[in-house]
Amino acid sequence: MKPGPKTIAFLVVRDFSSLSLVSAIEPLRGANRLLGKPAYAWRLVTDDGQPVRASNGLTIAPDMSLAELGGSLDGLFAIFVCAGLDTDPPNRARINATLVKAARAGVVLGSLSAGTFVLARAGLLDGYRCTVHWEYQPAFEEAFPDIDCGPGLFVIDRGRWTGSGGITGMDMMLQMIEQDHGPGLARSVGNQFQVDRIRNSAIHQRPGALDRLETLPGTLQKAVNLMLGNIETPLRMDEIADLSGLNLRRMERMFQAHLDVSPAQFYRGIRLEKARELLVHTNLSTLEIGVLTGFSSSSHFAMAYQKHYGIRPSDERRRAARD
């Protein structure tokens, strides 16, 4: 008896990221096309079996409900939770029960974008490494301090495949295709979608302030990484220079030449970027956020934030809640 296709369920919750979902499905379709057979199958699942809207307004019609999925786990390889703006969807108890049942049955559990929160709230990432989109990472670390959440584009740890969102769903599926059918097919599938290289799990995300980090000289990268690792208790500039193998004047010239800001300005920008993520994605007070991002007082934090973003922290939070 010939084995059937490897089947993957995508559990889609409201306000999900349509890009994350499509980027995960398309490589599977591409692999089937190039192989000339249905090597992969996929099912779209929603909590109640009804259509659900993405964060961009697109609506998808599912193949089945969560209850139907829970009753047909045989032959299922994986369930990927696809989320976006809503990191705590309704009917979480029902979602948790299905995911726990699947885990006990040996089904691989994965996430696309903010789906990592859903797995964590179900207790299914305890003892596993994972990742989440850099914008959500401070909120995730505050909510789940005991879970090892790293900066990788995606993380595969035994039966957990977590992705950071965007097009990293394609990276994970290409990894799966390579494992199943070899690197040649994975490259051919990637080429169908104009992917010039297959990114592996060792590659890190690049937050907003660090979009050019990989192009910087090694000593400057070291200085930036020291800043990233010391947000709550900032280092002095001379300490960063010394630990990076630079003198202070040389480090200042390098920051100006490559990033067009002083080291102090860049450092403050990183801290304020994290503060903004905490304001938008957590319920921590502005005082707590100021402390977590290295500001000596709430007034100092508020002044720095308004100078950098042109809006007070309290107004930023109200705007985010309204949006």
Protein backbone atom coordinates (compact mmCIF):
# COMPACT_ATOMS: atom_id res chain seq x y z
CA MET A 1 0.00 0.00 0.00
CA LYS A 2 1.50 3.33 -1.07
CA PRO A 3 1.84 5.97 1.64
CA GLY A 4 -0.36 9.01 1.23
CA PRO A 5 0.78 12.62 1.06
CA LYS A 6 2.28 14.30 4.12
CA THR A 7 -0.67 16.24 5.50
CA ILE A 8 -0.41 19.56 7.33
CA ALA A 9 -3.25 21.42 9.03
CA PHE A 10 -3.14 25.20 9.32
CA LEU A 11 -5.20 26.42 12.27
CA VAL A 12 -6.12 29.98 11.34
CA VAL A 13 -7.31 32.43 13.99
CA ARG A 14 -8.92 35.83 13.46
CA ASP A 15 -6.71 38.69 12.31
CA PHE A 16 -4.13 36.18 11.11
CA SER A 17 -1.28 37.14 8.79
CA SER A 18 -2.31 36.13 5.27
CA LEU A 19 1.29 36.49 4.05
CA SER A 20 2.51 34.00 6.65
CA LEU A 21 -0.17 31.50 5.66
CA VAL A 22 0.29 31.76 1.90
CA SER A 23 4.09 31.66 2.12
CA ALA A 24 3.81 28.31 3.94
CA ILE A 25 1.28 26.75 1.55
CA GLU A 26 2.80 27.76 -1.78
CA PRO A 27 6.05 25.74 -1.44
CA LEU A 28 3.96 22.63 -0.80
CA ARG A 29 1.96 23.26 -3.95
CA GLY A 30 5.20 23.93 -5.84
CA ALA A 31 6.74 20.67 -4.63
CA ASN A 32 3.68 18.70 -5.76
CA ARG A 33 3.86 20.34 -9.17
CA LEU A 34 7.55 19.60 -9.70
CA LEU A 35 7.26 16.04 -8.39
CA GLY A 36 4.20 15.39 -10.52
CA LYS A 37 2.34 13.84 -7.59
CA PRO A 38 0.60 14.93 -4.38
CA ALA A 39 3.51 14.59 -1.96
CA TYR A 40 1.92 17.17 0.36
CA ALA A 41 -1.64 17.96 1.34
CA TRP A 42 -2.95 20.78 3.51
CA ARG A 43 -6.13 21.57 5.38
CA LEU A 44 -7.36 24.98 6.51
CA VAL A 45 -8.98 24.89 9.94
CA THR A 46 -10.89 27.48 11.96
CA ASP A 47 -12.29 27.22 15.46
CA ASP A 48 -15.94 26.87 14.38
CA GLY A 49 -15.54 25.89 10.74
CA GLN A 50 -16.68 29.33 9.60
CA PRO A 51 -14.72 31.77 7.38
CA VAL A 52 -12.23 34.01 9.16
CA ARG A 53 -10.77 37.38 8.23
CA ALA A 54 -7.07 38.15 7.98
CA SER A 55 -5.54 41.33 9.36
CA ASN A 56 -5.55 42.79 5.83
CA GLY A 57 -9.28 42.12 5.37
CA LEU A 58 -9.05 39.01 3.19
CA THR A 59 -11.36 36.18 4.20
CA ILE A 60 -10.64 32.47 3.85
CA ALA A 61 -13.08 29.57 3.90
CA PRO A 62 -11.79 26.61 5.94
CA ASP A 63 -11.91 22.94 5.09
CA MET A 64 -12.97 21.90 8.57
CA SER A 65 -13.61 22.98 12.13
CA LEU A 66 -11.38 22.47 15.15
CA ALA A 67 -13.69 19.70 16.39
CA GLU A 68 -13.41 17.89 13.05
CA LEU A 69 -9.64 18.22 13.13
CA GLY A 70 -9.48 16.77 16.66
CA GLY A 71 -11.41 13.75 15.49
CA SER A 72 -9.16 13.02 12.50
CA LEU A 73 -5.56 13.19 13.71
CA ASP A 74 -4.55 9.86 12.15
CA GLY A 75 -2.07 10.42 9.34
CA LEU A 76 -1.63 14.09 10.21
CA PHE A 77 2.00 15.21 10.21
CA ALA A 78 1.70 18.70 11.70
CA ILE A 79 -0.59 21.50 12.86
CA PHE A 80 0.67 25.03 12.31
CA VAL A 81 -1.11 27.80 14.21
CA CYS A 82 -1.31 30.93 12.09
CA ALA A 83 -1.99 34.13 14.06
CA GLY A 84 -1.25 37.81 13.68
CA LEU A 85 -2.69 40.78 15.54
CA ASP A 86 -4.70 38.65 17.96
CA THR A 87 -2.26 36.70 20.12
CA ASP A 88 -4.97 35.47 22.51
CA PRO A 89 -7.91 34.27 20.38
CA PRO A 90 -11.33 33.36 21.84
CA ASN A 91 -12.23 29.77 22.68
CA ARG A 92 -8.67 29.23 23.82
CA ALA A 93 -9.66 26.27 26.01
CA ARG A 94 -10.97 24.41 22.96
CA ILE A 95 -7.88 25.29 20.94
CA ASN A 96 -5.61 24.18 23.79
CA ALA A 97 -7.41 20.86 24.18
CA THR A 98 -7.04 20.02 20.49
CA LEU A 99 -3.38 20.99 20.40
CA VAL A 100 -2.58 18.99 23.54
CA LYS A 101 -4.40 15.97 22.09
CA ALA A 102 -2.39 16.32 18.88
CA ALA A 103 0.89 16.57 20.78
CA ARG A 104 0.08 13.37 22.68
CA ALA A 105 -0.61 11.67 19.36
CA GLY A 106 2.87 12.62 18.12
CA VAL A 107 1.72 15.34 15.73
CA VAL A 108 4.32 18.06 15.08
CA LEU A 109 3.14 21.46 16.33
CA GLY A 110 4.24 24.66 14.67
CA SER A 111 3.51 28.34 14.48
CA LEU A 112 3.46 31.11 11.94
CA SER A 113 4.09 34.62 13.28
CA ALA A 114 2.19 35.19 16.55
CA GLY A 115 0.99 31.59 16.61
CA THR A 116 3.89 31.01 19.00
CA PHE A 117 1.82 32.72 21.71
CA VAL A 118 -1.00 30.21 21.20
CA LEU A 119 1.36 27.24 21.61
CA ALA A 120 2.94 28.81 24.68
CA ARG A 121 -0.41 29.47 26.36
CA ALA A 122 -1.30 25.82 25.82
CA GLY A 123 1.87 24.83 27.71
CA LEU A 124 3.27 23.20 24.58
CA LEU A 125 6.57 25.09 24.40
CA ASP A 126 7.76 24.29 27.92
CA GLY A 127 11.23 22.82 27.57
CA TYR A 128 11.50 23.72 23.88
CA ARG A 129 13.36 26.43 22.01
CA CYS A 130 11.19 28.71 19.88
CA THR A 131 10.99 32.04 18.09
CA VAL A 132 8.46 34.79 17.41
CA HIS A 133 8.46 37.97 15.34
CA TRP A 134 10.94 40.52 16.70
CA GLU A 135 8.15 43.05 17.25
CA TYR A 136 6.40 40.62 19.62
CA GLN A 137 9.52 39.28 21.33
CA PRO A 138 9.63 41.68 24.30
CA ALA A 139 5.96 40.94 25.06
CA PHE A 140 6.56 37.20 24.71
CA GLU A 141 9.55 37.29 27.04
CA GLU A 142 7.52 39.18 29.65
CA ALA A 143 4.59 36.75 29.39
CA PHE A 144 6.70 33.57 29.27
CA PRO A 145 10.05 34.25 30.97
CA ASP A 146 10.88 30.55 31.36
CA ILE A 147 10.54 29.71 27.66
CA ASP A 148 13.70 29.87 25.56
CA CYS A 149 12.65 32.26 22.79
CA GLY A 150 15.49 33.22 20.48
CA PRO A 151 15.97 35.60 17.54
CA GLY A 152 16.05 32.99 14.77
CA LEU A 153 14.00 33.32 11.59
CA PHE A 154 12.59 29.93 12.52
CA VAL A 155 13.42 27.28 15.11
CA ILE A 156 12.98 23.52 14.78
CA ASP A 157 13.30 21.76 18.12
CA ARG A 158 12.15 18.14 18.00
CA GLY A 159 8.38 18.25 17.47
CA ARG A 160 8.06 22.03 17.52
CA TRP A 161 8.51 24.19 14.41
CA THR A 162 8.10 27.88 15.20
CA GLY A 163 8.44 30.68 12.66
CA SER A 164 8.83 34.41 13.12
CA GLY A 165 6.26 35.40 10.51
CA GLY A 166 6.38 37.15 7.17
CA ILE A 167 7.80 34.86 4.53
CA THR A 168 9.58 32.57 6.99
CA GLY A 169 6.78 30.05 6.46
CA MET A 170 8.38 29.44 3.07
CA ASP A 171 11.78 28.95 4.70
CA MET A 172 10.36 26.30 7.03
CA MET A 173 8.51 24.45 4.28
CA LEU A 174 11.60 24.48 2.06
CA GLN A 175 13.50 22.96 4.99
CA MET A 176 10.85 20.25 5.19
CA ILE A 177 10.99 19.62 1.45
CA GLU A 178 14.78 19.34 1.62
CA GLN A 179 14.53 16.80 4.45
CA ASP A 180 11.94 14.76 2.54
CA HIS A 181 13.19 15.00 -1.05
CA GLY A 182 16.70 16.46 -1.00
CA PRO A 183 18.24 19.90 -1.54
CA GLY A 184 17.81 19.80 -5.31
CA LEU A 185 14.03 19.84 -5.13
CA ALA A 186 14.06 22.45 -2.37
CA ARG A 187 16.18 24.74 -4.54
CA SER A 188 13.92 24.15 -7.54
CA VAL A 189 10.83 25.00 -5.51
CA GLY A 190 12.49 28.12 -4.15
CA ASN A 191 13.47 29.15 -7.64
CA GLN A 192 9.81 28.98 -8.68
CA PHE A 193 9.17 31.79 -6.21
CA GLN A 194 12.28 33.84 -7.04
CA VAL A 195 14.00 32.78 -3.81
CA ASP A 196 17.70 33.18 -4.51
CA ARG A 197 18.86 31.26 -1.43
CA ILE A 198 17.29 28.97 1.14
CA ARG A 199 17.65 30.56 4.56
CA ASN A 200 18.34 28.17 7.43
CA SER A 201 17.46 28.33 11.10
CA ALA A 202 20.87 29.76 12.04
CA ILE A 203 19.94 33.11 10.46
CA HIS A 204 18.61 35.72 12.87
CA GLN A 205 15.84 38.22 12.41
CA ARG A 206 16.78 41.85 11.96
CA PRO A 207 14.66 44.24 14.05
CA GLY A 208 13.80 47.66 12.65
CA ALA A 209 16.87 49.47 13.94
CA LEU A 210 19.13 46.62 12.81
CA ASP A 211 18.08 46.13 9.21
CA ARG A 212 21.68 46.51 8.03
CA LEU A 213 23.46 44.69 10.86
CA GLU A 214 24.90 41.93 8.65
CA THR A 215 26.63 44.47 6.42
CA LEU A 216 28.45 46.25 9.26
CA PRO A 217 32.13 45.63 10.14
CA GLY A 218 32.66 42.90 12.73
CA THR A 219 33.75 45.21 15.53
CA LEU A 220 30.69 47.40 14.97
CA GLN A 221 28.42 44.34 15.00
CA LYS A 222 29.97 43.38 18.32
CA ALA A 223 29.25 46.83 19.74
CA VAL A 224 25.63 46.65 18.57
CA ASN A 225 25.19 43.16 20.04
CA LEU A 226 26.52 44.42 23.37
CA MET A 227 23.88 47.14 23.29
CA LEU A 228 21.18 44.59 22.49
CA GLY A 229 22.27 42.41 25.38
CA ASN A 230 22.23 45.25 27.91
CA ILE A 231 18.90 47.05 27.54
CA GLU A 232 17.68 47.14 31.14
CA THR A 233 21.06 48.18 32.55
CA PRO A 234 22.81 50.12 29.78
CA LEU A 235 26.58 50.00 29.51
CA ARG A 236 28.71 53.14 29.29
CA MET A 237 30.05 54.01 25.86
CA ASP A 238 33.64 53.48 26.95
CA GLU A 239 32.73 49.99 28.25
CA ILE A 240 31.16 49.07 24.91
CA ALA A 241 34.17 50.36 23.02
CA ASP A 242 36.60 48.44 25.21
CA LEU A 243 34.62 45.18 24.98
CA SER A 244 34.38 45.59 21.20
CA GLY A 245 38.13 46.00 20.79
CA LEU A 246 37.88 49.69 19.87
CA ASN A 247 38.82 52.95 21.46
CA LEU A 248 35.96 55.39 22.08
CA ARG A 249 36.89 57.84 19.32
CA ARG A 250 37.23 55.06 16.76
CA MET A 251 33.84 53.62 17.73
CA GLU A 252 32.19 57.04 17.44
CA ARG A 253 33.66 57.55 13.95
CA MET A 254 32.49 54.09 12.84
CA PHE A 255 28.91 54.67 14.02
CA GLN A 256 28.80 58.00 12.21
CA ALA A 257 30.28 56.53 9.04
CA HIS A 258 28.09 53.43 8.84
CA LEU A 259 24.89 54.40 10.68
CA ASP A 260 24.94 58.21 10.56
CA VAL A 261 24.33 58.51 14.33
CA SER A 262 26.46 58.55 17.45
CA PRO A 263 26.76 55.36 19.51
CA ALA A 264 24.67 56.93 22.28
CA GLN A 265 21.91 57.90 19.84
CA PHE A 266 21.86 54.42 18.34
CA TYR A 267 21.77 52.77 21.77
CA ARG A 268 18.90 54.97 22.89
CA GLY A 269 17.04 54.18 19.68
CA ILE A 270 17.30 50.42 20.35
CA ARG A 271 16.01 50.90 23.89
CA LEU A 272 13.12 53.07 22.75
CA GLU A 273 12.23 50.60 20.02
CA LYS A 274 11.88 47.89 22.65
CA ALA A 275 9.88 50.30 24.82
CA ARG A 276 7.48 50.89 21.94
CA GLU A 277 6.99 47.15 21.44
CA LEU A 278 6.20 46.76 25.15
CA LEU A 279 3.76 49.68 25.06
CA VAL A 280 1.88 48.27 22.11
CA HIS A 281 1.90 44.57 22.98
CA THR A 282 1.79 44.38 26.81
CA ASN A 283 -0.17 45.82 29.72
CA LEU A 284 2.94 46.83 31.65
CA SER A 285 2.83 50.34 33.12
CA THR A 286 4.92 53.07 31.56
CA LEU A 287 6.99 53.12 34.75
CA GLU A 288 7.74 49.39 34.40
CA ILE A 289 8.57 49.80 30.72
CA GLY A 290 10.89 52.68 31.47
CA VAL A 291 12.76 50.57 34.03
CA LEU A 292 12.97 47.58 31.66
CA THR A 293 14.51 49.75 28.97
CA GLY A 294 17.09 51.47 31.16
CA PHE A 295 15.54 54.85 31.99
CA SER A 296 16.06 56.28 35.46
CA SER A 297 12.54 57.67 35.89
CA SER A 298 9.16 57.72 34.19
CA SER A 299 9.60 61.41 33.33
CA HIS A 300 13.02 60.73 31.75
CA PHE A 301 11.48 57.89 29.74
CA ALA A 302 8.49 59.96 28.62
CA MET A 303 10.70 62.86 27.48
CA ALA A 304 13.05 60.58 25.55
CA TYR A 305 10.14 58.73 23.94
CA GLN A 306 8.37 61.88 22.81
CA LYS A 307 11.57 63.33 21.41
CA HIS A 308 12.26 60.14 19.45
CA TYR A 309 8.75 59.27 18.20
CA GLY A 310 6.96 62.62 18.44
CA ILE A 311 4.27 61.20 20.74
CA ARG A 312 3.96 60.60 24.47
CA PRO A 313 4.05 56.98 25.68
CA SER A 314 0.53 57.25 27.10
CA ASP A 315 -0.80 58.55 23.77
CA GLU A 316 1.08 55.78 21.90
CA ARG A 317 -0.69 53.16 24.00
CA ARG A 318 -4.11 54.77 23.49
CA ARG A 319 -3.52 54.93 19.74
CA ALA A 320 -2.48 51.27 19.63
CA ALA A 321 -5.58 50.23 21.61
CA ARG A 322 -7.81 52.27 19.30
CA ASP A 323 -6.22 50.80 16.18
